[in-house]
Amino acid sequence: MTKIEFESSIDFVANINEEKDCLMSQDPTQDNPGVLWFNIDVPKGHSFKTGDRVRVIVEKIG
């Protein structure tokens, strides 16, 4: 099983439509190989906001 896990701050919460938002973290320089980005859609009703620290887990199943 392949698994990647990291912690980061949310830089931006975008309104996609009436059903979902997008949480984003993007290093502005792209020069730091240790900084991992994320951009993920989540259902409305979440409590995430800019500046929150989150753990991102990507895991291959099967």
Protein backbone atom coordinates (compact mmCIF):
# COMPACT_ATOMS: atom_id res chain seq x y z
CA MET A 1 0.00 0.00 0.00
CA THR A 2 1.31 3.44 -0.94
CA LYS A 3 0.60 6.31 1.45
CA ILE A 4 1.70 9.97 1.54
CA GLU A 5 0.92 12.12 4.58
CA PHE A 6 1.82 15.75 5.32
CA GLU A 7 0.60 18.77 7.28
CA SER A 8 0.10 22.23 5.84
CA SER A 9 -1.91 25.43 6.28
CA ILE A 10 -4.90 26.31 4.14
CA ASP A 11 -3.98 29.37 2.06
CA PHE A 12 -7.34 29.87 0.39
CA VAL A 13 -10.92 28.56 0.45
CA ALA A 14 -12.67 29.00 -2.91
CA ASN A 15 -16.41 28.88 -3.52
CA ILE A 16 -16.91 26.44 -6.41
CA ASN A 17 -20.72 26.19 -6.52
CA GLU A 18 -23.71 25.70 -4.21
CA GLU A 19 -22.56 22.20 -3.27
CA LYS A 20 -18.78 22.44 -2.78
CA ASP A 21 -15.76 24.58 -1.95
CA CYS A 22 -12.09 24.07 -2.75
CA LEU A 23 -9.36 24.06 -0.09
CA MET A 24 -5.95 25.14 -1.40
CA SER A 25 -2.38 25.42 -0.23
CA GLN A 26 0.21 26.61 -2.73
CA ASP A 27 3.80 27.63 -2.10
CA PRO A 28 4.31 30.81 -4.15
CA THR A 29 7.89 30.05 -5.17
CA GLN A 30 7.80 26.41 -6.34
CA ASP A 31 11.51 26.42 -5.41
CA ASN A 32 11.27 24.50 -2.15
CA PRO A 33 11.13 20.75 -2.87
CA GLY A 34 10.04 20.11 0.71
CA VAL A 35 6.78 22.03 0.34
CA LEU A 36 3.83 19.96 -0.88
CA TRP A 37 0.71 21.60 -2.27
CA PHE A 38 -2.90 20.52 -2.22
CA ASN A 39 -6.09 21.55 -3.97
CA ILE A 40 -9.14 19.51 -2.97
CA ASP A 41 -12.89 19.96 -3.30
CA VAL A 42 -14.98 19.45 -0.15
CA PRO A 43 -18.75 19.50 0.42
CA LYS A 44 -20.32 22.72 1.73
CA GLY A 45 -20.92 22.77 5.47
CA HIS A 46 -17.27 22.24 6.41
CA SER A 47 -15.70 24.46 9.05
CA PHE A 48 -12.32 25.00 7.33
CA LYS A 49 -10.97 28.52 6.92
CA THR A 50 -7.81 30.22 5.70
CA GLY A 51 -4.95 29.64 8.14
CA ASP A 52 -6.24 26.33 9.52
CA ARG A 53 -3.61 23.58 9.72
CA VAL A 54 -4.71 20.32 8.15
CA ARG A 55 -3.28 16.86 7.59
CA VAL A 56 -3.48 15.59 4.01
CA ILE A 57 -3.42 11.82 3.47
CA VAL A 58 -3.33 10.23 0.03
CA GLU A 59 -3.50 6.46 0.12
CA LYS A 60 -3.64 3.95 -2.70
CA ILE A 61 -6.32 1.37 -2.08
CA GLY A 62 -6.17 -1.99 -3.80
